[in-house]
Amino acid sequence: MTILITGATGRVGRQVAGQLVQRGADVRALVRDPSKADLPPVVDIVQGDMLDIAALRKAFVGVRTLFLLNAVAGDEFTQAFTALNVARESGVRRVVYLSVMHAERFANVPHFAVKLAVERLIEHAGFSATMLRPAYFMDNEHMVRDVILQHGVYPMPIGGRGVAMVDTGDIAEVAALELIRRHDGPEDLPNDAFNLVGPDTLTGAGLAAIWSDITGRAIAYGGDDPTAFEASLANFLPRWMAYEMRLMAERYVSDGMIPEAEDVERLTRILGRPLRAYRQFATALARAAA
């Protein structure tokens, strides 16, 4: 039986596929453009997307377990619900869903609200599922690297409460391990949900200080007002998405994204190693730009 991955060509999905292949799993990926997939050769590729019913039905043949990942998009809700309904129609019961941390709290942020609704469908539809709820991705810092290094400003409005940024490699490895645990079980396992976080809860000023240490020069924190951040994102993202990122940043400032007491310990136990720290990630990012 096969594990099906949606979103398999993105930052997380591609790593999940690689982690599963390393562990000997039978993997299939639903991708829009197979010529750009860049996945391990053993991955079975089905061309299509989560609104292509025929492709979905083909992709679910012989599948036991689904890794459901769909990116922020205007039709994210419809994509996820369609995929889950076709999964149920195809007899697939085991699901690992990449949701988001604090989906229930940040209800005014559209993609948080969507992910909460998808979690509810998974629960009410009777799937045997794990909801993985990551904090803000360290990888998102690629978008602001040049601002940091060329202009000496850390521009993301993180605020003073703190955000437990998480590495996508850690997300992918935890997801692969959880997929295998559910997939290989002789029977459906009880539903579960947990946060995916990094080892440190970081403030805006703290992030600027880390970058100052790494670069050897003063990096200022751009402040909590998200206006400039939204305007900058609108240069390369659709305006609705830039606004949505602004709404998310406002909640980071007002609420933070602070892990539960047991989150880091649980993830460290699952991985059998320490979580990747932001300083490690930022050091590698700065070196890559040198």
C-alpha atoms as a PDB file:
ATOM      1  CA  MET A   1       0.000   0.000   0.000  1.00  0.00           C
ATOM      2  CA  THR A   2       1.061   3.539  -0.827  1.00  0.00           C
ATOM      3  CA  ILE A   3       1.446   6.900   0.925  1.00  0.00           C
ATOM      4  CA  LEU A   4       0.111   9.773  -1.195  1.00  0.00           C
ATOM      5  CA  ILE A   5       1.617  13.245  -0.812  1.00  0.00           C
ATOM      6  CA  THR A   6      -0.080  16.418  -1.984  1.00  0.00           C
ATOM      7  CA  GLY A   7       1.994  19.589  -2.184  1.00  0.00           C
ATOM      8  CA  ALA A   8       4.968  17.335  -2.907  1.00  0.00           C
ATOM      9  CA  THR A   9       7.042  19.903  -4.802  1.00  0.00           C
ATOM     10  CA  GLY A  10       7.048  22.592  -2.110  1.00  0.00           C
ATOM     11  CA  ARG A  11       9.534  23.307   0.660  1.00  0.00           C
ATOM     12  CA  VAL A  12       8.018  20.779   3.066  1.00  0.00           C
ATOM     13  CA  GLY A  13       6.430  18.251   0.719  1.00  0.00           C
ATOM     14  CA  ARG A  14       9.619  17.557  -1.242  1.00  0.00           C
ATOM     15  CA  GLN A  15      11.484  16.865   1.996  1.00  0.00           C
ATOM     16  CA  VAL A  16       8.684  14.620   3.269  1.00  0.00           C
ATOM     17  CA  ALA A  17       8.921  12.577   0.060  1.00  0.00           C
ATOM     18  CA  GLY A  18      12.679  12.247   0.498  1.00  0.00           C
ATOM     19  CA  GLN A  19      12.363  11.228   4.141  1.00  0.00           C
ATOM     20  CA  LEU A  20       9.770   8.573   3.280  1.00  0.00           C
ATOM     21  CA  VAL A  21      11.851   7.166   0.434  1.00  0.00           C
ATOM     22  CA  GLN A  22      14.886   6.943   2.745  1.00  0.00           C
ATOM     23  CA  ARG A  23      12.757   4.839   5.084  1.00  0.00           C
ATOM     24  CA  GLY A  24      11.638   2.470   2.341  1.00  0.00           C
ATOM     25  CA  ALA A  25       8.043   3.673   1.985  1.00  0.00           C
ATOM     26  CA  ASP A  26       6.039   3.317  -1.224  1.00  0.00           C
ATOM     27  CA  VAL A  27       5.380   6.960  -2.162  1.00  0.00           C
ATOM     28  CA  ARG A  28       3.120   8.624  -4.706  1.00  0.00           C
ATOM     29  CA  ALA A  29       2.939  12.360  -5.406  1.00  0.00           C
ATOM     30  CA  LEU A  30       0.179  14.428  -6.962  1.00  0.00           C
ATOM     31  CA  VAL A  31       1.920  17.225  -8.911  1.00  0.00           C
ATOM     32  CA  ARG A  32       0.834  19.804 -11.466  1.00  0.00           C
ATOM     33  CA  ASP A  33       3.931  19.566 -13.668  1.00  0.00           C
ATOM     34  CA  PRO A  34       5.908  16.290 -13.504  1.00  0.00           C
ATOM     35  CA  SER A  35       8.780  17.843 -15.498  1.00  0.00           C
ATOM     36  CA  LYS A  36       9.461  20.193 -12.582  1.00  0.00           C
ATOM     37  CA  ALA A  37       8.820  17.744  -9.759  1.00  0.00           C
ATOM     38  CA  ASP A  38      12.486  17.028  -8.877  1.00  0.00           C
ATOM     39  CA  LEU A  39      11.524  14.084  -6.663  1.00  0.00           C
ATOM     40  CA  PRO A  40      13.390  10.816  -6.062  1.00  0.00           C
ATOM     41  CA  PRO A  41      13.031   8.525  -9.115  1.00  0.00           C
ATOM     42  CA  VAL A  42      11.189   5.856  -7.117  1.00  0.00           C
ATOM     43  CA  VAL A  43       8.302   8.229  -6.352  1.00  0.00           C
ATOM     44  CA  ASP A  44       5.227   7.413  -8.428  1.00  0.00           C
ATOM     45  CA  ILE A  45       3.952  10.664  -9.939  1.00  0.00           C
ATOM     46  CA  VAL A  46       0.353  11.413 -10.881  1.00  0.00           C
ATOM     47  CA  GLN A  47      -0.207  14.614 -12.816  1.00  0.00           C
ATOM     48  CA  GLY A  48      -3.003  16.823 -11.563  1.00  0.00           C
ATOM     49  CA  ASP A  49      -4.098  18.995  -8.672  1.00  0.00           C
ATOM     50  CA  MET A  50      -6.612  18.923  -5.842  1.00  0.00           C
ATOM     51  CA  LEU A  51      -9.398  20.326  -7.994  1.00  0.00           C
ATOM     52  CA  ASP A  52      -8.897  17.694 -10.717  1.00  0.00           C
ATOM     53  CA  ILE A  53     -11.320  14.965  -9.651  1.00  0.00           C
ATOM     54  CA  ALA A  54     -10.184  12.414 -12.229  1.00  0.00           C
ATOM     55  CA  ALA A  55      -6.543  12.885 -11.248  1.00  0.00           C
ATOM     56  CA  LEU A  56      -7.414  12.625  -7.552  1.00  0.00           C
ATOM     57  CA  ARG A  57      -9.319   9.399  -8.066  1.00  0.00           C
ATOM     58  CA  LYS A  58      -6.387   7.972 -10.014  1.00  0.00           C
ATOM     59  CA  ALA A  59      -3.915   9.120  -7.350  1.00  0.00           C
ATOM     60  CA  PHE A  60      -5.844   7.443  -4.519  1.00  0.00           C
ATOM     61  CA  VAL A  61      -5.892   3.966  -6.121  1.00  0.00           C
ATOM     62  CA  GLY A  62      -3.983   1.613  -3.823  1.00  0.00           C
ATOM     63  CA  VAL A  63      -3.355   4.310  -1.213  1.00  0.00           C
ATOM     64  CA  ARG A  64      -3.636   3.630   2.512  1.00  0.00           C
ATOM     65  CA  THR A  65      -2.351   6.929   3.942  1.00  0.00           C
ATOM     66  CA  LEU A  66      -2.582  10.571   2.848  1.00  0.00           C
ATOM     67  CA  PHE A  67      -0.232  13.422   3.654  1.00  0.00           C
ATOM     68  CA  LEU A  68      -2.442  16.439   3.061  1.00  0.00           C
ATOM     69  CA  LEU A  69      -0.529  19.646   2.432  1.00  0.00           C
ATOM     70  CA  ASN A  70      -1.946  22.533   0.496  1.00  0.00           C
ATOM     71  CA  ALA A  71      -0.388  25.945   0.332  1.00  0.00           C
ATOM     72  CA  VAL A  72      -1.980  29.310   1.020  1.00  0.00           C
ATOM     73  CA  ALA A  73      -4.229  30.005  -1.972  1.00  0.00           C
ATOM     74  CA  GLY A  74      -7.508  31.698  -2.736  1.00  0.00           C
ATOM     75  CA  ASP A  75      -9.174  28.295  -3.157  1.00  0.00           C
ATOM     76  CA  GLU A  76      -7.306  26.493  -0.358  1.00  0.00           C
ATOM     77  CA  PHE A  77     -10.569  25.552   1.380  1.00  0.00           C
ATOM     78  CA  THR A  78     -12.051  23.948  -1.736  1.00  0.00           C
ATOM     79  CA  GLN A  79      -8.809  22.112  -2.528  1.00  0.00           C
ATOM     80  CA  ALA A  80      -8.577  20.525   0.906  1.00  0.00           C
ATOM     81  CA  PHE A  81     -12.246  19.569   1.168  1.00  0.00           C
ATOM     82  CA  THR A  82     -12.241  18.078  -2.325  1.00  0.00           C
ATOM     83  CA  ALA A  83      -9.140  15.987  -1.617  1.00  0.00           C
ATOM     84  CA  LEU A  84     -10.559  14.703   1.659  1.00  0.00           C
ATOM     85  CA  ASN A  85     -13.918  13.814   0.128  1.00  0.00           C
ATOM     86  CA  VAL A  86     -12.251  11.880  -2.688  1.00  0.00           C
ATOM     87  CA  ALA A  87      -9.990  10.190  -0.132  1.00  0.00           C
ATOM     88  CA  ARG A  88     -13.024   9.024   1.839  1.00  0.00           C
ATOM     89  CA  GLU A  89     -14.752   7.940  -1.365  1.00  0.00           C
ATOM     90  CA  SER A  90     -11.633   5.887  -2.196  1.00  0.00           C
ATOM     91  CA  GLY A  91     -11.589   4.143   1.188  1.00  0.00           C
ATOM     92  CA  VAL A  92      -8.599   6.031   2.573  1.00  0.00           C
ATOM     93  CA  ARG A  93      -8.908   6.558   6.327  1.00  0.00           C
ATOM     94  CA  ARG A  94      -5.387   7.398   7.506  1.00  0.00           C
ATOM     95  CA  VAL A  95      -4.338  11.043   7.222  1.00  0.00           C
ATOM     96  CA  VAL A  96      -1.552  13.310   8.395  1.00  0.00           C
ATOM     97  CA  TYR A  97      -2.557  16.934   7.844  1.00  0.00           C
ATOM     98  CA  LEU A  98      -0.193  19.902   7.894  1.00  0.00           C
ATOM     99  CA  SER A  99      -2.271  22.536   9.650  1.00  0.00           C
ATOM    100  CA  VAL A 100      -0.976  25.595  11.516  1.00  0.00           C
ATOM    101  CA  MET A 101      -0.315  26.465  15.140  1.00  0.00           C
ATOM    102  CA  HIS A 102      -3.006  28.576  16.838  1.00  0.00           C
ATOM    103  CA  ALA A 103      -5.517  28.081  14.020  1.00  0.00           C
ATOM    104  CA  GLU A 104      -8.302  28.370  16.572  1.00  0.00           C
ATOM    105  CA  ARG A 105      -6.955  31.658  17.973  1.00  0.00           C
ATOM    106  CA  PHE A 106      -6.025  33.558  14.805  1.00  0.00           C
ATOM    107  CA  ALA A 107      -9.505  33.220  13.342  1.00  0.00           C
ATOM    108  CA  ASN A 108      -9.338  36.496  11.388  1.00  0.00           C
ATOM    109  CA  VAL A 109      -6.384  35.242   9.297  1.00  0.00           C
ATOM    110  CA  PRO A 110      -7.947  33.429   6.321  1.00  0.00           C
ATOM    111  CA  HIS A 111      -5.522  30.525   5.939  1.00  0.00           C
ATOM    112  CA  PHE A 112      -5.624  29.875   9.705  1.00  0.00           C
ATOM    113  CA  ALA A 113      -9.426  29.756   9.580  1.00  0.00           C
ATOM    114  CA  VAL A 114      -9.304  27.430   6.575  1.00  0.00           C
ATOM    115  CA  LYS A 115      -6.965  25.026   8.335  1.00  0.00           C
ATOM    116  CA  LEU A 116      -9.178  24.962  11.398  1.00  0.00           C
ATOM    117  CA  ALA A 117     -12.161  24.086   9.185  1.00  0.00           C
ATOM    118  CA  VAL A 118     -10.164  21.304   7.513  1.00  0.00           C
ATOM    119  CA  GLU A 119      -9.234  19.895  10.927  1.00  0.00           C
ATOM    120  CA  ARG A 120     -12.918  19.839  11.828  1.00  0.00           C
ATOM    121  CA  LEU A 121     -13.832  17.993   8.635  1.00  0.00           C
ATOM    122  CA  ILE A 122     -11.124  15.419   9.293  1.00  0.00           C
ATOM    123  CA  GLU A 123     -12.492  14.844  12.791  1.00  0.00           C
ATOM    124  CA  HIS A 124     -16.163  14.688  11.798  1.00  0.00           C
ATOM    125  CA  ALA A 125     -15.556  12.518   8.722  1.00  0.00           C
ATOM    126  CA  GLY A 126     -14.076   9.754  10.839  1.00  0.00           C
ATOM    127  CA  PHE A 127     -10.514   9.748   9.530  1.00  0.00           C
ATOM    128  CA  SER A 128      -7.725   8.288  11.655  1.00  0.00           C
ATOM    129  CA  ALA A 129      -5.548  11.374  11.649  1.00  0.00           C
ATOM    130  CA  THR A 130      -2.732  13.424  13.068  1.00  0.00           C
ATOM    131  CA  MET A 131      -2.918  17.192  12.834  1.00  0.00           C
ATOM    132  CA  LEU A 132       0.566  18.685  12.693  1.00  0.00           C
ATOM    133  CA  ARG A 133       0.479  22.363  13.663  1.00  0.00           C
ATOM    134  CA  PRO A 134       3.685  24.192  12.727  1.00  0.00           C
ATOM    135  CA  ALA A 135       4.705  27.618  13.897  1.00  0.00           C
ATOM    136  CA  TYR A 136       6.163  30.192  11.492  1.00  0.00           C
ATOM    137  CA  PHE A 137       8.677  28.600   9.111  1.00  0.00           C
ATOM    138  CA  MET A 138      12.305  29.659   9.447  1.00  0.00           C
ATOM    139  CA  ASP A 139      12.487  29.144   5.680  1.00  0.00           C
ATOM    140  CA  ASN A 140      10.257  32.185   5.197  1.00  0.00           C
ATOM    141  CA  GLU A 141      13.307  34.262   6.098  1.00  0.00           C
ATOM    142  CA  HIS A 142      14.546  33.744   2.530  1.00  0.00           C
ATOM    143  CA  MET A 143      12.034  36.460   1.602  1.00  0.00           C
ATOM    144  CA  VAL A 144      13.670  39.026   3.895  1.00  0.00           C
ATOM    145  CA  ARG A 145      17.335  37.941   3.738  1.00  0.00           C
ATOM    146  CA  ASP A 146      18.395  40.691   1.356  1.00  0.00           C
ATOM    147  CA  VAL A 147      16.683  43.365   3.452  1.00  0.00           C
ATOM    148  CA  ILE A 148      18.577  42.134   6.502  1.00  0.00           C
ATOM    149  CA  LEU A 149      21.955  41.827   4.813  1.00  0.00           C
ATOM    150  CA  GLN A 150      21.832  44.819   2.478  1.00  0.00           C
ATOM    151  CA  HIS A 151      19.850  47.331   4.525  1.00  0.00           C
ATOM    152  CA  GLY A 152      20.641  46.291   8.100  1.00  0.00           C
ATOM    153  CA  VAL A 153      17.018  45.841   9.168  1.00  0.00           C
ATOM    154  CA  TYR A 154      15.129  42.775  10.366  1.00  0.00           C
ATOM    155  CA  PRO A 155      11.750  43.663   8.801  1.00  0.00           C
ATOM    156  CA  MET A 156       9.326  40.938   9.903  1.00  0.00           C
ATOM    157  CA  PRO A 157       6.916  42.327  12.562  1.00  0.00           C
ATOM    158  CA  ILE A 158       7.344  39.623  15.192  1.00  0.00           C
ATOM    159  CA  GLY A 159       6.697  41.716  18.288  1.00  0.00           C
ATOM    160  CA  GLY A 160       7.797  41.173  21.856  1.00  0.00           C
ATOM    161  CA  ARG A 161       5.780  38.147  22.922  1.00  0.00           C
ATOM    162  CA  GLY A 162       7.794  35.665  20.864  1.00  0.00           C
ATOM    163  CA  VAL A 163       7.389  33.155  18.041  1.00  0.00           C
ATOM    164  CA  ALA A 164       8.821  29.625  18.166  1.00  0.00           C
ATOM    165  CA  MET A 165      10.026  29.499  14.547  1.00  0.00           C
ATOM    166  CA  VAL A 166      10.487  25.967  13.182  1.00  0.00           C
ATOM    167  CA  ASP A 167      12.800  24.510  10.537  1.00  0.00           C
ATOM    168  CA  THR A 168      11.117  22.880   7.531  1.00  0.00           C
ATOM    169  CA  GLY A 169      13.559  19.961   7.726  1.00  0.00           C
ATOM    170  CA  ASP A 170      12.327  19.202  11.236  1.00  0.00           C
ATOM    171  CA  ILE A 171       8.714  19.516  10.067  1.00  0.00           C
ATOM    172  CA  ALA A 172       9.325  17.089   7.214  1.00  0.00           C
ATOM    173  CA  GLU A 173      11.069  14.485   9.341  1.00  0.00           C
ATOM    174  CA  VAL A 174       8.366  14.539  12.014  1.00  0.00           C
ATOM    175  CA  ALA A 175       5.711  14.279   9.288  1.00  0.00           C
ATOM    176  CA  ALA A 176       7.449  11.293   7.678  1.00  0.00           C
ATOM    177  CA  LEU A 177       7.789   9.485  10.994  1.00  0.00           C
ATOM    178  CA  GLU A 178       4.141  10.118  11.811  1.00  0.00           C
ATOM    179  CA  LEU A 179       3.037   8.965   8.360  1.00  0.00           C
ATOM    180  CA  ILE A 180       4.960   5.721   8.740  1.00  0.00           C
ATOM    181  CA  ARG A 181       3.578   5.182  12.251  1.00  0.00           C
ATOM    182  CA  ARG A 182       0.013   5.493  11.006  1.00  0.00           C
ATOM    183  CA  HIS A 183       0.631   3.714   7.699  1.00  0.00           C
ATOM    184  CA  ASP A 184       2.290   0.641   9.213  1.00  0.00           C
ATOM    185  CA  GLY A 185      -0.113   0.205  12.103  1.00  0.00           C
ATOM    186  CA  PRO A 186      -2.190  -2.976  11.939  1.00  0.00           C
ATOM    187  CA  GLU A 187      -5.285  -0.917  12.662  1.00  0.00           C
ATOM    188  CA  ASP A 188      -6.350   2.712  12.704  1.00  0.00           C
ATOM    189  CA  LEU A 189      -4.752   4.715  15.499  1.00  0.00           C
ATOM    190  CA  PRO A 190      -6.550   7.283  17.670  1.00  0.00           C
ATOM    191  CA  ASN A 191      -6.534  10.860  16.428  1.00  0.00           C
ATOM    192  CA  ASP A 192      -3.726  13.093  17.626  1.00  0.00           C
ATOM    193  CA  ALA A 193      -2.570  16.694  17.244  1.00  0.00           C
ATOM    194  CA  PHE A 194       0.580  18.514  18.269  1.00  0.00           C
ATOM    195  CA  ASN A 195       2.567  21.655  17.619  1.00  0.00           C
ATOM    196  CA  LEU A 196       5.737  21.786  15.521  1.00  0.00           C
ATOM    197  CA  VAL A 197       8.077  24.399  16.959  1.00  0.00           C
ATOM    198  CA  GLY A 198      11.710  25.338  17.200  1.00  0.00           C
ATOM    199  CA  PRO A 199      13.762  25.181  20.409  1.00  0.00           C
ATOM    200  CA  ASP A 200      13.658  28.946  21.017  1.00  0.00           C
ATOM    201  CA  THR A 201      10.842  31.465  21.311  1.00  0.00           C
ATOM    202  CA  LEU A 202      12.141  34.572  19.554  1.00  0.00           C
ATOM    203  CA  THR A 203      11.105  38.224  19.682  1.00  0.00           C
ATOM    204  CA  GLY A 204      11.663  40.804  16.964  1.00  0.00           C
ATOM    205  CA  ALA A 205      14.454  42.455  18.952  1.00  0.00           C
ATOM    206  CA  GLY A 206      15.975  39.056  19.717  1.00  0.00           C
ATOM    207  CA  LEU A 207      16.021  38.112  16.034  1.00  0.00           C
ATOM    208  CA  ALA A 208      17.745  41.382  15.146  1.00  0.00           C
ATOM    209  CA  ALA A 209      20.342  40.668  17.839  1.00  0.00           C
ATOM    210  CA  ILE A 210      21.016  37.202  16.390  1.00  0.00           C
ATOM    211  CA  TRP A 211      21.550  38.701  12.956  1.00  0.00           C
ATOM    212  CA  SER A 212      23.839  41.350  14.455  1.00  0.00           C
ATOM    213  CA  ASP A 213      25.984  38.592  15.980  1.00  0.00           C
ATOM    214  CA  ILE A 214      26.083  36.612  12.736  1.00  0.00           C
ATOM    215  CA  THR A 215      26.935  39.546  10.468  1.00  0.00           C
ATOM    216  CA  GLY A 216      29.191  41.437  12.864  1.00  0.00           C
ATOM    217  CA  ARG A 217      27.304  44.677  12.328  1.00  0.00           C
ATOM    218  CA  ALA A 218      24.269  46.325  13.841  1.00  0.00           C
ATOM    219  CA  ILE A 219      20.950  44.976  12.546  1.00  0.00           C
ATOM    220  CA  ALA A 220      17.941  46.980  13.708  1.00  0.00           C
ATOM    221  CA  TYR A 221      14.472  45.593  14.347  1.00  0.00           C
ATOM    222  CA  GLY A 222      12.012  47.245  11.965  1.00  0.00           C
ATOM    223  CA  GLY A 223       9.298  47.501  14.597  1.00  0.00           C
ATOM    224  CA  ASP A 224       5.823  46.133  15.166  1.00  0.00           C
ATOM    225  CA  ASP A 225       3.906  48.191  12.593  1.00  0.00           C
ATOM    226  CA  PRO A 226       3.191  45.823   9.638  1.00  0.00           C
ATOM    227  CA  THR A 227       2.511  48.559   7.073  1.00  0.00           C
ATOM    228  CA  ALA A 228       5.951  48.528   5.445  1.00  0.00           C
ATOM    229  CA  PHE A 229       6.042  44.721   5.609  1.00  0.00           C
ATOM    230  CA  GLU A 230       2.768  44.458   3.684  1.00  0.00           C
ATOM    231  CA  ALA A 231       3.953  46.979   1.095  1.00  0.00           C
ATOM    232  CA  SER A 232       7.201  45.081   0.566  1.00  0.00           C
ATOM    233  CA  LEU A 233       5.428  41.733   0.130  1.00  0.00           C
ATOM    234  CA  ALA A 234       3.023  43.295  -2.386  1.00  0.00           C
ATOM    235  CA  ASN A 235       5.986  43.776  -4.733  1.00  0.00           C
ATOM    236  CA  PHE A 236       6.171  40.031  -5.392  1.00  0.00           C
ATOM    237  CA  LEU A 237       3.005  38.485  -3.948  1.00  0.00           C
ATOM    238  CA  PRO A 238      -0.642  39.015  -4.900  1.00  0.00           C
ATOM    239  CA  ARG A 239      -2.027  41.907  -2.887  1.00  0.00           C
ATOM    240  CA  TRP A 240      -4.592  39.721  -1.140  1.00  0.00           C
ATOM    241  CA  MET A 241      -1.777  37.459   0.055  1.00  0.00           C
ATOM    242  CA  ALA A 242       0.375  40.376   1.200  1.00  0.00           C
ATOM    243  CA  TYR A 243      -2.601  41.621   3.214  1.00  0.00           C
ATOM    244  CA  GLU A 244      -3.141  38.164   4.660  1.00  0.00           C
ATOM    245  CA  MET A 245       0.515  38.058   5.761  1.00  0.00           C
ATOM    246  CA  ARG A 246      -0.044  41.447   7.399  1.00  0.00           C
ATOM    247  CA  LEU A 247      -2.986  40.034   9.360  1.00  0.00           C
ATOM    248  CA  MET A 248      -0.810  37.117  10.469  1.00  0.00           C
ATOM    249  CA  ALA A 249       1.984  39.462  11.561  1.00  0.00           C
ATOM    250  CA  GLU A 250      -0.497  41.534  13.571  1.00  0.00           C
ATOM    251  CA  ARG A 251      -1.429  38.419  15.539  1.00  0.00           C
ATOM    252  CA  TYR A 252       2.233  37.592  16.142  1.00  0.00           C
ATOM    253  CA  VAL A 253       2.618  41.041  17.650  1.00  0.00           C
ATOM    254  CA  SER A 254      -0.559  40.893  19.751  1.00  0.00           C
ATOM    255  CA  ASP A 255      -0.482  37.221  20.781  1.00  0.00           C
ATOM    256  CA  GLY A 256       2.845  35.656  19.862  1.00  0.00           C
ATOM    257  CA  MET A 257       3.190  32.008  18.874  1.00  0.00           C
ATOM    258  CA  ILE A 258       4.394  30.443  22.085  1.00  0.00           C
ATOM    259  CA  PRO A 259       4.725  26.657  22.443  1.00  0.00           C
ATOM    260  CA  GLU A 260       3.144  24.543  25.111  1.00  0.00           C
ATOM    261  CA  ALA A 261       5.429  23.304  27.880  1.00  0.00           C
ATOM    262  CA  GLU A 262       5.827  19.812  26.419  1.00  0.00           C
ATOM    263  CA  ASP A 263       6.180  20.700  22.717  1.00  0.00           C
ATOM    264  CA  VAL A 264       9.978  20.848  22.452  1.00  0.00           C
ATOM    265  CA  GLU A 265      10.442  17.746  24.602  1.00  0.00           C
ATOM    266  CA  ARG A 266       7.971  15.749  22.529  1.00  0.00           C
ATOM    267  CA  LEU A 267       9.535  16.707  19.202  1.00  0.00           C
ATOM    268  CA  THR A 268      13.039  16.020  20.480  1.00  0.00           C
ATOM    269  CA  ARG A 269      11.896  12.584  21.593  1.00  0.00           C
ATOM    270  CA  ILE A 270      10.261  11.843  18.219  1.00  0.00           C
ATOM    271  CA  LEU A 271      13.338  12.903  16.255  1.00  0.00           C
ATOM    272  CA  GLY A 272      15.897  11.473  18.659  1.00  0.00           C
ATOM    273  CA  ARG A 273      17.972  14.648  18.315  1.00  0.00           C
ATOM    274  CA  PRO A 274      17.823  18.355  19.153  1.00  0.00           C
ATOM    275  CA  LEU A 275      15.630  20.623  17.066  1.00  0.00           C
ATOM    276  CA  ARG A 276      17.397  22.975  14.679  1.00  0.00           C
ATOM    277  CA  ALA A 277      17.888  26.374  16.244  1.00  0.00           C
ATOM    278  CA  TYR A 278      17.196  29.651  14.460  1.00  0.00           C
ATOM    279  CA  ARG A 279      20.812  30.749  14.884  1.00  0.00           C
ATOM    280  CA  GLN A 280      21.977  27.660  12.947  1.00  0.00           C
ATOM    281  CA  PHE A 281      19.506  28.385  10.176  1.00  0.00           C
ATOM    282  CA  ALA A 282      20.344  32.091   9.963  1.00  0.00           C
ATOM    283  CA  THR A 283      24.085  31.408   9.921  1.00  0.00           C
ATOM    284  CA  ALA A 284      23.660  29.062   6.947  1.00  0.00           C
ATOM    285  CA  LEU A 285      21.383  31.556   5.193  1.00  0.00           C
ATOM    286  CA  ALA A 286      23.929  34.360   5.589  1.00  0.00           C
ATOM    287  CA  ARG A 287      26.777  32.173   4.348  1.00  0.00           C
ATOM    288  CA  ALA A 288      24.769  31.157   1.277  1.00  0.00           C
ATOM    289  CA  ALA A 289      24.425  34.838   0.375  1.00  0.00           C
ATOM    290  CA  ALA A 290      28.118  35.619   0.794  1.00  0.00           C
END
